[in-house]
Amino acid sequence: MLIAWFSFKPQGIGPGKGGPGEARAFHPKNGGTGPMSILVSGDDNGTVVMLAPTGPAEGWEFEATRLLSLKGTVGSAVVADLDGDGWAEVVVPHYSGNNLGVYTFAPALENGLTPASGN
């Protein structure tokens, strides 16, 4: 049974090029209940995608949303409440850009991932 579909096409061709990278299950808000969201690093695809549940856990139905689209390779994203505010932050290593992005699910914009303050 197919539960969600998102195409991860690498930006380049060659040995070691591929996508997607790792997947991590999480709740955007600490103490969340019910089905968890899934965060997928696109690796050489340069994206970070979230699969958000659209129904009960038994249904295994998700909606895929591209949260980030960067030029080059992104590493495995890490999800944790880094600042203790009860909302998950996502840390994304951008190898090709030689930097690290920190984003939050805190309700600053109420519609997905936003850059964490101070970045």
PDB file of N, CA and C in Angstrom:
ATOM      1  N   MET A   1       0.841  -1.169   0.000  1.00  0.00           N
ATOM      2  CA  MET A   1       0.000   0.000   0.000  1.00  0.00           C
ATOM      3  C   MET A   1       0.891   1.240   0.000  1.00  0.00           C
ATOM      4  N   LEU A   2       0.660   2.144  -0.919  1.00  0.00           N
ATOM      5  CA  LEU A   2       1.383   3.414  -1.003  1.00  0.00           C
ATOM      6  C   LEU A   2       0.725   4.418  -0.077  1.00  0.00           C
ATOM      7  N   ILE A   3       1.510   5.019   0.849  1.00  0.00           N
ATOM      8  CA  ILE A   3       0.933   5.960   1.800  1.00  0.00           C
ATOM      9  C   ILE A   3       1.221   7.411   1.444  1.00  0.00           C
ATOM     10  N   ALA A   4       2.286   7.667   0.744  1.00  0.00           N
ATOM     11  CA  ALA A   4       2.626   9.028   0.308  1.00  0.00           C
ATOM     12  C   ALA A   4       3.657   8.909  -0.802  1.00  0.00           C
ATOM     13  N   TRP A   5       3.693   9.904  -1.658  1.00  0.00           N
ATOM     14  CA  TRP A   5       4.652   9.868  -2.760  1.00  0.00           C
ATOM     15  C   TRP A   5       5.292  11.227  -2.911  1.00  0.00           C
ATOM     16  N   PHE A   6       6.608  11.238  -3.011  1.00  0.00           N
ATOM     17  CA  PHE A   6       7.341  12.456  -3.300  1.00  0.00           C
ATOM     18  C   PHE A   6       8.568  12.042  -4.091  1.00  0.00           C
ATOM     19  N   SER A   7       8.839  12.678  -5.196  1.00  0.00           N
ATOM     20  CA  SER A   7       9.963  12.306  -6.050  1.00  0.00           C
ATOM     21  C   SER A   7      11.242  12.993  -5.586  1.00  0.00           C
ATOM     22  N   PHE A   8      12.275  12.207  -5.295  1.00  0.00           N
ATOM     23  CA  PHE A   8      13.582  12.724  -4.889  1.00  0.00           C
ATOM     24  C   PHE A   8      14.577  12.467  -6.010  1.00  0.00           C
ATOM     25  N   LYS A   9      14.755  13.433  -6.889  1.00  0.00           N
ATOM     26  CA  LYS A   9      15.679  13.293  -7.998  1.00  0.00           C
ATOM     27  C   LYS A   9      16.978  14.024  -7.661  1.00  0.00           C
ATOM     28  N   PRO A  10      18.122  13.321  -7.651  1.00  0.00           N
ATOM     29  CA  PRO A  10      19.399  13.984  -7.340  1.00  0.00           C
ATOM     30  C   PRO A  10      19.687  15.125  -8.317  1.00  0.00           C
ATOM     31  N   GLN A  11      20.368  16.168  -7.812  1.00  0.00           N
ATOM     32  CA  GLN A  11      20.703  17.321  -8.644  1.00  0.00           C
ATOM     33  C   GLN A  11      21.886  17.040  -9.566  1.00  0.00           C
ATOM     34  N   GLY A  12      22.648  16.008  -9.274  1.00  0.00           N
ATOM     35  CA  GLY A  12      23.803  15.672 -10.098  1.00  0.00           C
ATOM     36  C   GLY A  12      23.868  14.181 -10.343  1.00  0.00           C
ATOM     37  N   ILE A  13      24.738  13.786 -11.244  1.00  0.00           N
ATOM     38  CA  ILE A  13      24.914  12.373 -11.569  1.00  0.00           C
ATOM     39  C   ILE A  13      26.341  11.986 -11.237  1.00  0.00           C
ATOM     40  N   GLY A  14      26.511  10.800 -10.674  1.00  0.00           N
ATOM     41  CA  GLY A  14      27.844  10.329 -10.368  1.00  0.00           C
ATOM     42  C   GLY A  14      27.855   9.426  -9.152  1.00  0.00           C
ATOM     43  N   PRO A  15      29.015   8.849  -8.851  1.00  0.00           N
ATOM     44  CA  PRO A  15      29.121   7.965  -7.695  1.00  0.00           C
ATOM     45  C   PRO A  15      28.757   8.699  -6.406  1.00  0.00           C
ATOM     46  N   GLY A  16      27.984   8.046  -5.564  1.00  0.00           N
ATOM     47  CA  GLY A  16      27.610   8.616  -4.285  1.00  0.00           C
ATOM     48  C   GLY A  16      26.452   9.595  -4.341  1.00  0.00           C
ATOM     49  N   LYS A  17      25.928   9.871  -5.532  1.00  0.00           N
ATOM     50  CA  LYS A  17      24.802  10.800  -5.660  1.00  0.00           C
ATOM     51  C   LYS A  17      23.506  10.019  -5.490  1.00  0.00           C
ATOM     52  N   GLY A  18      22.592  10.567  -4.732  1.00  0.00           N
ATOM     53  CA  GLY A  18      21.316   9.888  -4.551  1.00  0.00           C
ATOM     54  C   GLY A  18      20.395  10.659  -3.643  1.00  0.00           C
ATOM     55  N   GLY A  19      19.234  10.166  -3.474  1.00  0.00           N
ATOM     56  CA  GLY A  19      18.241  10.736  -2.601  1.00  0.00           C
ATOM     57  C   GLY A  19      17.072   9.769  -2.531  1.00  0.00           C
ATOM     58  N   PRO A  20      16.309   9.714  -1.509  1.00  0.00           N
ATOM     59  CA  PRO A  20      16.388  10.578  -0.342  1.00  0.00           C
ATOM     60  C   PRO A  20      17.395  10.081   0.685  1.00  0.00           C
ATOM     61  N   GLY A  21      17.549  10.871   1.725  1.00  0.00           N
ATOM     62  CA  GLY A  21      18.408  10.512   2.847  1.00  0.00           C
ATOM     63  C   GLY A  21      17.583   9.850   3.937  1.00  0.00           C
ATOM     64  N   GLU A  22      17.876  10.199   5.199  1.00  0.00           N
ATOM     65  CA  GLU A  22      17.206   9.571   6.336  1.00  0.00           C
ATOM     66  C   GLU A  22      15.817  10.151   6.583  1.00  0.00           C
ATOM     67  N   ALA A  23      14.985   9.328   7.249  1.00  0.00           N
ATOM     68  CA  ALA A  23      13.639   9.744   7.654  1.00  0.00           C
ATOM     69  C   ALA A  23      13.546   9.691   9.174  1.00  0.00           C
ATOM     70  N   ARG A  24      12.845  10.674   9.766  1.00  0.00           N
ATOM     71  CA  ARG A  24      12.676  10.733  11.224  1.00  0.00           C
ATOM     72  C   ARG A  24      11.218  11.050  11.550  1.00  0.00           C
ATOM     73  N   ALA A  25      10.631  10.262  12.465  1.00  0.00           N
ATOM     74  CA  ALA A  25       9.258  10.500  12.913  1.00  0.00           C
ATOM     75  C   ALA A  25       9.280  11.452  14.111  1.00  0.00           C
ATOM     76  N   PHE A  26       8.302  12.364  14.188  1.00  0.00           N
ATOM     77  CA  PHE A  26       8.254  13.342  15.279  1.00  0.00           C
ATOM     78  C   PHE A  26       6.884  14.001  15.356  1.00  0.00           C
ATOM     79  N   HIS A  27       6.612  14.654  16.486  1.00  0.00           N
ATOM     80  CA  HIS A  27       5.466  15.540  16.645  1.00  0.00           C
ATOM     81  C   HIS A  27       6.002  16.978  16.623  1.00  0.00           C
ATOM     82  N   PRO A  28       5.434  17.874  15.821  1.00  0.00           N
ATOM     83  CA  PRO A  28       5.910  19.257  15.802  1.00  0.00           C
ATOM     84  C   PRO A  28       5.814  19.960  17.159  1.00  0.00           C
ATOM     85  N   LYS A  29       4.840  19.563  18.001  1.00  0.00           N
ATOM     86  CA  LYS A  29       4.689  20.141  19.339  1.00  0.00           C
ATOM     87  C   LYS A  29       4.921  19.043  20.360  1.00  0.00           C
ATOM     88  N   ASN A  30       5.741  19.346  21.383  1.00  0.00           N
ATOM     89  CA  ASN A  30       5.995  18.374  22.447  1.00  0.00           C
ATOM     90  C   ASN A  30       4.678  17.937  23.082  1.00  0.00           C
ATOM     91  N   GLY A  31       4.590  16.663  23.415  1.00  0.00           N
ATOM     92  CA  GLY A  31       3.382  16.140  24.027  1.00  0.00           C
ATOM     93  C   GLY A  31       2.299  15.834  23.014  1.00  0.00           C
ATOM     94  N   GLY A  32       2.623  15.949  21.729  1.00  0.00           N
ATOM     95  CA  GLY A  32       1.648  15.649  20.690  1.00  0.00           C
ATOM     96  C   GLY A  32       1.215  14.192  20.764  1.00  0.00           C
ATOM     97  N   THR A  33      -0.013  13.944  20.403  1.00  0.00           N
ATOM     98  CA  THR A  33      -0.529  12.579  20.394  1.00  0.00           C
ATOM     99  C   THR A  33      -1.019  12.254  18.999  1.00  0.00           C
ATOM    100  N   GLY A  34      -1.304  10.997  18.783  1.00  0.00           N
ATOM    101  CA  GLY A  34      -1.804  10.581  17.483  1.00  0.00           C
ATOM    102  C   GLY A  34      -0.671  10.310  16.515  1.00  0.00           C
ATOM    103  N   PRO A  35      -1.006  10.215  15.241  1.00  0.00           N
ATOM    104  CA  PRO A  35       0.012   9.901  14.239  1.00  0.00           C
ATOM    105  C   PRO A  35       1.115  10.954  14.213  1.00  0.00           C
ATOM    106  N   MET A  36       2.339  10.499  14.008  1.00  0.00           N
ATOM    107  CA  MET A  36       3.481  11.409  13.960  1.00  0.00           C
ATOM    108  C   MET A  36       3.747  11.850  12.527  1.00  0.00           C
ATOM    109  N   SER A  37       4.369  13.018  12.389  1.00  0.00           N
ATOM    110  CA  SER A  37       4.845  13.474  11.090  1.00  0.00           C
ATOM    111  C   SER A  37       6.174  12.785  10.803  1.00  0.00           C
ATOM    112  N   ILE A  38       6.579  12.775   9.556  1.00  0.00           N
ATOM    113  CA  ILE A  38       7.850  12.167   9.159  1.00  0.00           C
ATOM    114  C   ILE A  38       8.647  13.214   8.395  1.00  0.00           C
ATOM    115  N   LEU A  39       9.881  13.452   8.835  1.00  0.00           N
ATOM    116  CA  LEU A  39      10.772  14.398   8.176  1.00  0.00           C
ATOM    117  C   LEU A  39      11.779  13.609   7.355  1.00  0.00           C
ATOM    118  N   VAL A  40      11.917  13.955   6.074  1.00  0.00           N
ATOM    119  CA  VAL A  40      12.819  13.237   5.176  1.00  0.00           C
ATOM    120  C   VAL A  40      13.827  14.225   4.584  1.00  0.00           C
ATOM    121  N   SER A  41      15.107  13.905   4.756  1.00  0.00           N
ATOM    122  CA  SER A  41      16.168  14.686   4.139  1.00  0.00           C
ATOM    123  C   SER A  41      16.314  14.220   2.702  1.00  0.00           C
ATOM    124  N   GLY A  42      16.382  15.168   1.765  1.00  0.00           N
ATOM    125  CA  GLY A  42      16.494  14.804   0.362  1.00  0.00           C
ATOM    126  C   GLY A  42      17.906  14.450  -0.076  1.00  0.00           C
ATOM    127  N   ASP A  43      18.904  14.656   0.797  1.00  0.00           N
ATOM    128  CA  ASP A  43      20.298  14.344   0.509  1.00  0.00           C
ATOM    129  C   ASP A  43      20.752  15.107  -0.741  1.00  0.00           C
ATOM    130  N   ASP A  44      21.158  14.428  -1.794  1.00  0.00           N
ATOM    131  CA  ASP A  44      21.649  15.097  -3.007  1.00  0.00           C
ATOM    132  C   ASP A  44      20.538  15.776  -3.805  1.00  0.00           C
ATOM    133  N   ASN A  45      19.305  15.624  -3.356  1.00  0.00           N
ATOM    134  CA  ASN A  45      18.166  16.297  -3.971  1.00  0.00           C
ATOM    135  C   ASN A  45      18.077  17.751  -3.489  1.00  0.00           C
ATOM    136  N   GLY A  46      18.697  18.069  -2.334  1.00  0.00           N
ATOM    137  CA  GLY A  46      18.718  19.429  -1.819  1.00  0.00           C
ATOM    138  C   GLY A  46      17.448  19.867  -1.114  1.00  0.00           C
ATOM    139  N   THR A  47      16.568  18.930  -0.778  1.00  0.00           N
ATOM    140  CA  THR A  47      15.304  19.288  -0.153  1.00  0.00           C
ATOM    141  C   THR A  47      15.154  18.654   1.230  1.00  0.00           C
ATOM    142  N   VAL A  48      14.222  19.203   1.997  1.00  0.00           N
ATOM    143  CA  VAL A  48      13.734  18.582   3.225  1.00  0.00           C
ATOM    144  C   VAL A  48      12.222  18.540   3.070  1.00  0.00           C
ATOM    145  N   VAL A  49      11.653  17.350   3.242  1.00  0.00           N
ATOM    146  CA  VAL A  49      10.225  17.133   3.023  1.00  0.00           C
ATOM    147  C   VAL A  49       9.588  16.632   4.309  1.00  0.00           C
ATOM    148  N   MET A  50       8.386  17.131   4.610  1.00  0.00           N
ATOM    149  CA  MET A  50       7.627  16.632   5.747  1.00  0.00           C
ATOM    150  C   MET A  50       6.397  15.893   5.238  1.00  0.00           C
ATOM    151  N   LEU A  51       6.191  14.702   5.760  1.00  0.00           N
ATOM    152  CA  LEU A  51       4.973  13.943   5.508  1.00  0.00           C
ATOM    153  C   LEU A  51       4.097  14.131   6.739  1.00  0.00           C
ATOM    154  N   ALA A  52       3.013  14.893   6.601  1.00  0.00           N
ATOM    155  CA  ALA A  52       2.118  15.179   7.720  1.00  0.00           C
ATOM    156  C   ALA A  52       0.902  14.270   7.641  1.00  0.00           C
ATOM    157  N   PRO A  53       0.520  13.657   8.778  1.00  0.00           N
ATOM    158  CA  PRO A  53      -0.639  12.761   8.759  1.00  0.00           C
ATOM    159  C   PRO A  53      -1.911  13.529   8.423  1.00  0.00           C
ATOM    160  N   THR A  54      -2.782  12.907   7.630  1.00  0.00           N
ATOM    161  CA  THR A  54      -4.042  13.543   7.247  1.00  0.00           C
ATOM    162  C   THR A  54      -5.245  12.810   7.811  1.00  0.00           C
ATOM    163  N   GLY A  55      -5.000  11.786   8.611  1.00  0.00           N
ATOM    164  CA  GLY A  55      -6.102  11.021   9.189  1.00  0.00           C
ATOM    165  C   GLY A  55      -5.611  10.217  10.370  1.00  0.00           C
ATOM    166  N   PRO A  56      -6.416   9.266  10.827  1.00  0.00           N
ATOM    167  CA  PRO A  56      -6.025   8.447  11.977  1.00  0.00           C
ATOM    168  C   PRO A  56      -4.837   7.552  11.655  1.00  0.00           C
ATOM    169  N   ALA A  57      -4.124   7.133  12.698  1.00  0.00           N
ATOM    170  CA  ALA A  57      -2.919   6.318  12.527  1.00  0.00           C
ATOM    171  C   ALA A  57      -3.194   5.052  11.725  1.00  0.00           C
ATOM    172  N   GLU A  58      -4.354   4.473  11.899  1.00  0.00           N
ATOM    173  CA  GLU A  58      -4.671   3.222  11.190  1.00  0.00           C
ATOM    174  C   GLU A  58      -4.735   3.420   9.676  1.00  0.00           C
ATOM    175  N   GLY A  59      -5.012   4.640   9.229  1.00  0.00           N
ATOM    176  CA  GLY A  59      -5.157   4.905   7.800  1.00  0.00           C
ATOM    177  C   GLY A  59      -3.851   5.083   7.062  1.00  0.00           C
ATOM    178  N   TRP A  60      -2.774   5.400   7.769  1.00  0.00           N
ATOM    179  CA  TRP A  60      -1.460   5.609   7.153  1.00  0.00           C
ATOM    180  C   TRP A  60      -1.542   6.538   5.953  1.00  0.00           C
ATOM    181  N   GLU A  61      -2.215   7.680   6.111  1.00  0.00           N
ATOM    182  CA  GLU A  61      -2.331   8.648   5.028  1.00  0.00           C
ATOM    183  C   GLU A  61      -1.565   9.903   5.399  1.00  0.00           C
ATOM    184  N   PHE A  62      -0.744  10.394   4.457  1.00  0.00           N
ATOM    185  CA  PHE A  62       0.109  11.551   4.696  1.00  0.00           C
ATOM    186  C   PHE A  62       0.045  12.498   3.511  1.00  0.00           C
ATOM    187  N   GLU A  63       0.300  13.775   3.788  1.00  0.00           N
ATOM    188  CA  GLU A  63       0.455  14.779   2.737  1.00  0.00           C
ATOM    189  C   GLU A  63       1.916  15.219   2.723  1.00  0.00           C
ATOM    190  N   ALA A  64       2.548  15.169   1.556  1.00  0.00           N
ATOM    191  CA  ALA A  64       3.957  15.547   1.428  1.00  0.00           C
ATOM    192  C   ALA A  64       4.061  17.042   1.144  1.00  0.00           C
ATOM    193  N   THR A  65       4.924  17.734   1.920  1.00  0.00           N
ATOM    194  CA  THR A  65       5.164  19.155   1.738  1.00  0.00           C
ATOM    195  C   THR A  65       6.665  19.412   1.734  1.00  0.00           C
ATOM    196  N   ARG A  66       7.156  20.090   0.706  1.00  0.00           N
ATOM    197  CA  ARG A  66       8.568  20.468   0.664  1.00  0.00           C
ATOM    198  C   ARG A  66       8.766  21.657   1.600  1.00  0.00           C
ATOM    199  N   LEU A  67       9.578  21.455   2.656  1.00  0.00           N
ATOM    200  CA  LEU A  67       9.825  22.515   3.630  1.00  0.00           C
ATOM    201  C   LEU A  67      10.997  23.396   3.227  1.00  0.00           C
ATOM    202  N   LEU A  68      12.031  22.793   2.645  1.00  0.00           N
ATOM    203  CA  LEU A  68      13.215  23.527   2.215  1.00  0.00           C
ATOM    204  C   LEU A  68      13.650  23.028   0.857  1.00  0.00           C
ATOM    205  N   SER A  69      14.175  23.925   0.059  1.00  0.00           N
ATOM    206  CA  SER A  69      14.751  23.564  -1.229  1.00  0.00           C
ATOM    207  C   SER A  69      16.037  24.366  -1.380  1.00  0.00           C
ATOM    208  N   LEU A  70      17.168  23.671  -1.288  1.00  0.00           N
ATOM    209  CA  LEU A  70      18.479  24.315  -1.333  1.00  0.00           C
ATOM    210  C   LEU A  70      19.268  23.815  -2.529  1.00  0.00           C
ATOM    211  N   LYS A  71      20.229  24.570  -2.968  1.00  0.00           N
ATOM    212  CA  LYS A  71      21.103  24.153  -4.065  1.00  0.00           C
ATOM    213  C   LYS A  71      22.200  23.264  -3.477  1.00  0.00           C
ATOM    214  N   GLY A  72      22.332  22.061  -3.990  1.00  0.00           N
ATOM    215  CA  GLY A  72      23.377  21.169  -3.517  1.00  0.00           C
ATOM    216  C   GLY A  72      22.861  20.137  -2.530  1.00  0.00           C
ATOM    217  N   THR A  73      23.777  19.611  -1.732  1.00  0.00           N
ATOM    218  CA  THR A  73      23.492  18.494  -0.837  1.00  0.00           C
ATOM    219  C   THR A  73      23.135  18.955   0.565  1.00  0.00           C
ATOM    220  N   VAL A  74      22.048  18.387   1.108  1.00  0.00           N
ATOM    221  CA  VAL A  74      21.701  18.590   2.509  1.00  0.00           C
ATOM    222  C   VAL A  74      21.967  17.288   3.248  1.00  0.00           C
ATOM    223  N   GLY A  75      22.364  17.393   4.494  1.00  0.00           N
ATOM    224  CA  GLY A  75      22.628  16.208   5.305  1.00  0.00           C
ATOM    225  C   GLY A  75      21.368  15.759   6.016  1.00  0.00           C
ATOM    226  N   SER A  76      21.537  14.822   6.929  1.00  0.00           N
ATOM    227  CA  SER A  76      20.411  14.309   7.708  1.00  0.00           C
ATOM    228  C   SER A  76      19.915  15.379   8.668  1.00  0.00           C
ATOM    229  N   ALA A  77      18.646  15.694   8.575  1.00  0.00           N
ATOM    230  CA  ALA A  77      18.044  16.684   9.468  1.00  0.00           C
ATOM    231  C   ALA A  77      17.809  16.058  10.837  1.00  0.00           C
ATOM    232  N   VAL A  78      18.005  16.858  11.881  1.00  0.00           N
ATOM    233  CA  VAL A  78      17.773  16.424  13.253  1.00  0.00           C
ATOM    234  C   VAL A  78      16.595  17.211  13.800  1.00  0.00           C
ATOM    235  N   VAL A  79      15.694  16.533  14.516  1.00  0.00           N
ATOM    236  CA  VAL A  79      14.509  17.176  15.082  1.00  0.00           C
ATOM    237  C   VAL A  79      14.577  17.076  16.598  1.00  0.00           C
ATOM    238  N   ALA A  80      14.461  18.222  17.299  1.00  0.00           N
ATOM    239  CA  ALA A  80      14.453  18.258  18.761  1.00  0.00           C
ATOM    240  C   ALA A  80      13.932  19.625  19.206  1.00  0.00           C
ATOM    241  N   ASP A  81      13.442  19.705  20.446  1.00  0.00           N
ATOM    242  CA  ASP A  81      13.062  20.989  21.025  1.00  0.00           C
ATOM    243  C   ASP A  81      14.321  21.591  21.634  1.00  0.00           C
ATOM    244  N   LEU A  82      15.041  22.368  20.858  1.00  0.00           N
ATOM    245  CA  LEU A  82      16.339  22.899  21.277  1.00  0.00           C
ATOM    246  C   LEU A  82      16.244  24.022  22.307  1.00  0.00           C
ATOM    247  N   ASP A  83      15.181  24.821  22.252  1.00  0.00           N
ATOM    248  CA  ASP A  83      15.092  25.977  23.146  1.00  0.00           C
ATOM    249  C   ASP A  83      14.089  25.804  24.287  1.00  0.00           C
ATOM    250  N   GLY A  84      13.477  24.623  24.388  1.00  0.00           N
ATOM    251  CA  GLY A  84      12.578  24.332  25.499  1.00  0.00           C
ATOM    252  C   GLY A  84      11.234  25.033  25.447  1.00  0.00           C
ATOM    253  N   ASP A  85      10.814  25.524  24.280  1.00  0.00           N
ATOM    254  CA  ASP A  85       9.535  26.220  24.174  1.00  0.00           C
ATOM    255  C   ASP A  85       8.364  25.290  23.873  1.00  0.00           C
ATOM    256  N   GLY A  86       8.628  23.987  23.759  1.00  0.00           N
ATOM    257  CA  GLY A  86       7.569  23.028  23.492  1.00  0.00           C
ATOM    258  C   GLY A  86       7.347  22.732  22.020  1.00  0.00           C
ATOM    259  N   TRP A  87       8.073  23.419  21.140  1.00  0.00           N
ATOM    260  CA  TRP A  87       7.944  23.208  19.694  1.00  0.00           C
ATOM    261  C   TRP A  87       9.250  22.635  19.149  1.00  0.00           C
ATOM    262  N   ALA A  88       9.128  21.761  18.172  1.00  0.00           N
ATOM    263  CA  ALA A  88      10.303  21.130  17.569  1.00  0.00           C
ATOM    264  C   ALA A  88      11.074  22.123  16.708  1.00  0.00           C
ATOM    265  N   GLU A  89      12.392  22.014  16.774  1.00  0.00           N
ATOM    266  CA  GLU A  89      13.277  22.701  15.841  1.00  0.00           C
ATOM    267  C   GLU A  89      13.887  21.638  14.929  1.00  0.00           C
ATOM    268  N   VAL A  90      14.241  22.067  13.731  1.00  0.00           N
ATOM    269  CA  VAL A  90      14.875  21.183  12.762  1.00  0.00           C
ATOM    270  C   VAL A  90      16.230  21.778  12.421  1.00  0.00           C
ATOM    271  N   VAL A  91      17.282  20.979  12.556  1.00  0.00           N
ATOM    272  CA  VAL A  91      18.633  21.410  12.210  1.00  0.00           C
ATOM    273  C   VAL A  91      19.003  20.716  10.910  1.00  0.00           C
ATOM    274  N   VAL A  92      19.368  21.521   9.896  1.00  0.00           N
ATOM    275  CA  VAL A  92      19.668  20.982   8.571  1.00  0.00           C
ATOM    276  C   VAL A  92      21.076  21.380   8.160  1.00  0.00           C
ATOM    277  N   PRO A  93      21.985  20.395   8.028  1.00  0.00           N
ATOM    278  CA  PRO A  93      23.310  20.719   7.504  1.00  0.00           C
ATOM    279  C   PRO A  93      23.243  20.874   5.986  1.00  0.00           C
ATOM    280  N   HIS A  94      23.740  22.006   5.480  1.00  0.00           N
ATOM    281  CA  HIS A  94      23.770  22.251   4.037  1.00  0.00           C
ATOM    282  C   HIS A  94      25.232  22.163   3.604  1.00  0.00           C
ATOM    283  N   TYR A  95      25.635  20.955   3.229  1.00  0.00           N
ATOM    284  CA  TYR A  95      27.039  20.705   2.901  1.00  0.00           C
ATOM    285  C   TYR A  95      27.534  21.601   1.776  1.00  0.00           C
ATOM    286  N   SER A  96      26.758  21.721   0.724  1.00  0.00           N
ATOM    287  CA  SER A  96      27.190  22.511  -0.430  1.00  0.00           C
ATOM    288  C   SER A  96      27.278  23.993  -0.110  1.00  0.00           C
ATOM    289  N   GLY A  97      26.490  24.476   0.838  1.00  0.00           N
ATOM    290  CA  GLY A  97      26.516  25.878   1.225  1.00  0.00           C
ATOM    291  C   GLY A  97      27.454  26.155   2.385  1.00  0.00           C
ATOM    292  N   ASN A  98      28.035  25.083   2.953  1.00  0.00           N
ATOM    293  CA  ASN A  98      28.967  25.207   4.072  1.00  0.00           C
ATOM    294  C   ASN A  98      28.325  25.935   5.254  1.00  0.00           C
ATOM    295  N   ASN A  99      27.045  25.590   5.556  1.00  0.00           N
ATOM    296  CA  ASN A  99      26.374  26.206   6.693  1.00  0.00           C
ATOM    297  C   ASN A  99      25.376  25.247   7.318  1.00  0.00           C
ATOM    298  N   LEU A 100      24.779  25.695   8.400  1.00  0.00           N
ATOM    299  CA  LEU A 100      23.820  24.908   9.163  1.00  0.00           C
ATOM    300  C   LEU A 100      22.596  25.770   9.388  1.00  0.00           C
ATOM    301  N   GLY A 101      21.423  25.288   9.006  1.00  0.00           N
ATOM    302  CA  GLY A 101      20.189  26.039   9.208  1.00  0.00           C
ATOM    303  C   GLY A 101      19.416  25.476  10.383  1.00  0.00           C
ATOM    304  N   VAL A 102      18.833  26.347  11.200  1.00  0.00           N
ATOM    305  CA  VAL A 102      17.975  25.935  12.305  1.00  0.00           C
ATOM    306  C   VAL A 102      16.607  26.562  12.067  1.00  0.00           C
ATOM    307  N   TYR A 103      15.570  25.729  12.046  1.00  0.00           N
ATOM    308  CA  TYR A 103      14.207  26.166  11.761  1.00  0.00           C
ATOM    309  C   TYR A 103      13.305  25.678  12.886  1.00  0.00           C
ATOM    310  N   THR A 104      12.172  26.334  13.080  1.00  0.00           N
ATOM    311  CA  THR A 104      11.275  25.965  14.169  1.00  0.00           C
ATOM    312  C   THR A 104       9.849  25.774  13.667  1.00  0.00           C
ATOM    313  N   PHE A 105       9.106  24.943  14.393  1.00  0.00           N
ATOM    314  CA  PHE A 105       7.677  24.774  14.138  1.00  0.00           C
ATOM    315  C   PHE A 105       6.851  25.675  15.047  1.00  0.00           C
ATOM    316  N   ALA A 106       7.504  26.504  15.877  1.00  0.00           N
ATOM    317  CA  ALA A 106       6.787  27.443  16.744  1.00  0.00           C
ATOM    318  C   ALA A 106       5.854  28.295  15.884  1.00  0.00           C
ATOM    319  N   PRO A 107       4.718  28.690  16.420  1.00  0.00           N
ATOM    320  CA  PRO A 107       3.674  29.334  15.602  1.00  0.00           C
ATOM    321  C   PRO A 107       3.916  30.780  15.196  1.00  0.00           C
ATOM    322  N   ALA A 108       5.138  31.151  14.864  1.00  0.00           N
ATOM    323  CA  ALA A 108       5.408  32.518  14.403  1.00  0.00           C
ATOM    324  C   ALA A 108       4.580  32.838  13.165  1.00  0.00           C
ATOM    325  N   LEU A 109       4.533  31.913  12.225  1.00  0.00           N
ATOM    326  CA  LEU A 109       3.743  32.125  11.010  1.00  0.00           C
ATOM    327  C   LEU A 109       2.550  31.180  10.913  1.00  0.00           C
ATOM    328  N   GLU A 110       2.465  30.219  11.855  1.00  0.00           N
ATOM    329  CA  GLU A 110       1.363  29.262  11.907  1.00  0.00           C
ATOM    330  C   GLU A 110       1.212  28.391  10.657  1.00  0.00           C
ATOM    331  N   ASN A 111       2.221  28.323   9.789  1.00  0.00           N
ATOM    332  CA  ASN A 111       2.045  27.502   8.587  1.00  0.00           C
ATOM    333  C   ASN A 111       3.323  26.767   8.213  1.00  0.00           C
ATOM    334  N   GLY A 112       3.841  25.999   9.138  1.00  0.00           N
ATOM    335  CA  GLY A 112       5.000  25.180   8.797  1.00  0.00           C
ATOM    336  C   GLY A 112       6.291  25.697   9.389  1.00  0.00           C
ATOM    337  N   LEU A 113       7.369  25.404   8.729  1.00  0.00           N
ATOM    338  CA  LEU A 113       8.704  25.671   9.214  1.00  0.00           C
ATOM    339  C   LEU A 113       9.104  27.123   9.007  1.00  0.00           C
ATOM    340  N   THR A 114       9.660  27.757  10.046  1.00  0.00           N
ATOM    341  CA  THR A 114      10.153  29.135   9.942  1.00  0.00           C
ATOM    342  C   THR A 114      11.568  29.202  10.488  1.00  0.00           C
ATOM    343  N   PRO A 115      12.400  30.111  10.003  1.00  0.00           N
ATOM    344  CA  PRO A 115      13.736  30.236  10.554  1.00  0.00           C
ATOM    345  C   PRO A 115      13.678  30.552  12.040  1.00  0.00           C
ATOM    346  N   ALA A 116      14.529  29.904  12.826  1.00  0.00           N
ATOM    347  CA  ALA A 116      14.585  30.184  14.267  1.00  0.00           C
ATOM    348  C   ALA A 116      15.186  31.569  14.467  1.00  0.00           C
ATOM    349  N   SER A 117      14.796  32.225  15.553  1.00  0.00           N
ATOM    350  CA  SER A 117      15.314  33.573  15.813  1.00  0.00           C
ATOM    351  C   SER A 117      16.808  33.552  15.975  1.00  0.00           C
ATOM    352  N   GLY A 118      17.451  34.617  15.552  1.00  0.00           N
ATOM    353  CA  GLY A 118      18.907  34.734  15.665  1.00  0.00           C
ATOM    354  C   GLY A 118      19.660  34.136  14.504  1.00  0.00           C
ATOM    355  N   ASN A 119      18.967  33.638  13.488  1.00  0.00           N
ATOM    356  CA  ASN A 119      19.628  33.031  12.328  1.00  0.00           C
ATOM    357  C   ASN A 119      19.434  33.885  11.094  1.00  0.00           C
TER     358      ASN A 119
END
